Amino acid sequence: MNLRERGITVGDLLIILIIIFSTTIIINKYKNQKQSSLNNIKTEIITLKSY
């Protein structure tokens, strides 16, 4: 049975939604982690220059 014969089922929609939500959560966590590491580097440079 291929997709054209049976159509899109509720299970297919659930799998698609899980994939979309998990990828957005992973991307958002990666962006936040990247920004926090950049902020730490900037504060270290500022403190080193002030001495």
Protein backbone atom coordinates (compact mmCIF):
# COMPACT_ATOMS: atom_id res chain seq x y z
CA MET A 1 0.00 0.00 0.00
CA ASN A 2 1.48 3.29 -0.96
CA LEU A 3 0.54 6.77 0.22
CA ARG A 4 -1.75 7.53 -2.72
CA GLU A 5 -3.90 4.50 -2.06
CA ARG A 6 -4.38 4.97 1.68
CA GLY A 7 -4.05 8.74 2.06
CA ILE A 8 -2.46 10.56 4.95
CA THR A 9 -3.48 9.06 8.27
CA VAL A 10 -3.48 10.50 11.77
CA GLY A 11 -0.34 8.52 12.58
CA ASP A 12 1.48 10.11 9.67
CA LEU A 13 0.46 13.57 10.86
CA LEU A 14 1.62 12.81 14.40
CA ILE A 15 5.01 11.65 13.19
CA ILE A 16 5.40 14.80 11.09
CA LEU A 17 4.44 17.01 14.04
CA ILE A 18 6.88 15.25 16.37
CA ILE A 19 9.69 15.71 13.86
CA ILE A 20 8.89 19.42 13.40
CA PHE A 21 8.66 20.14 17.13
CA SER A 22 11.82 18.24 18.00
CA THR A 23 13.88 19.99 15.32
CA THR A 24 12.68 23.45 16.38
CA ILE A 25 13.50 22.70 20.03
CA ILE A 26 16.97 21.43 19.12
CA ILE A 27 17.65 24.47 16.90
CA ASN A 28 16.51 26.90 19.62
CA LYS A 29 18.70 25.24 22.25
CA TYR A 30 21.70 25.36 19.91
CA LYS A 31 21.14 29.07 19.21
CA ASN A 32 20.85 29.90 22.91
CA GLN A 33 23.99 27.91 23.73
CA LYS A 34 25.93 29.65 20.97
CA GLN A 35 24.86 33.12 22.14
CA SER A 36 25.75 32.43 25.78
CA SER A 37 29.22 31.23 24.83
CA LEU A 38 29.80 34.41 22.80
CA ASN A 39 28.69 36.55 25.75
CA ASN A 40 31.18 34.77 28.04
CA ILE A 41 34.02 35.46 25.64
CA LYS A 42 33.15 39.17 25.47
CA THR A 43 33.09 39.55 29.25
CA GLU A 44 36.44 37.81 29.57
CA ILE A 45 38.01 40.17 27.05
CA ILE A 46 36.60 43.20 28.86
CA THR A 47 37.92 42.03 32.22
CA LEU A 48 41.35 41.31 30.78
CA LYS A 49 41.59 44.82 29.29
CA SER A 50 40.53 46.49 32.53
CA TYR A 51 43.54 45.12 34.44
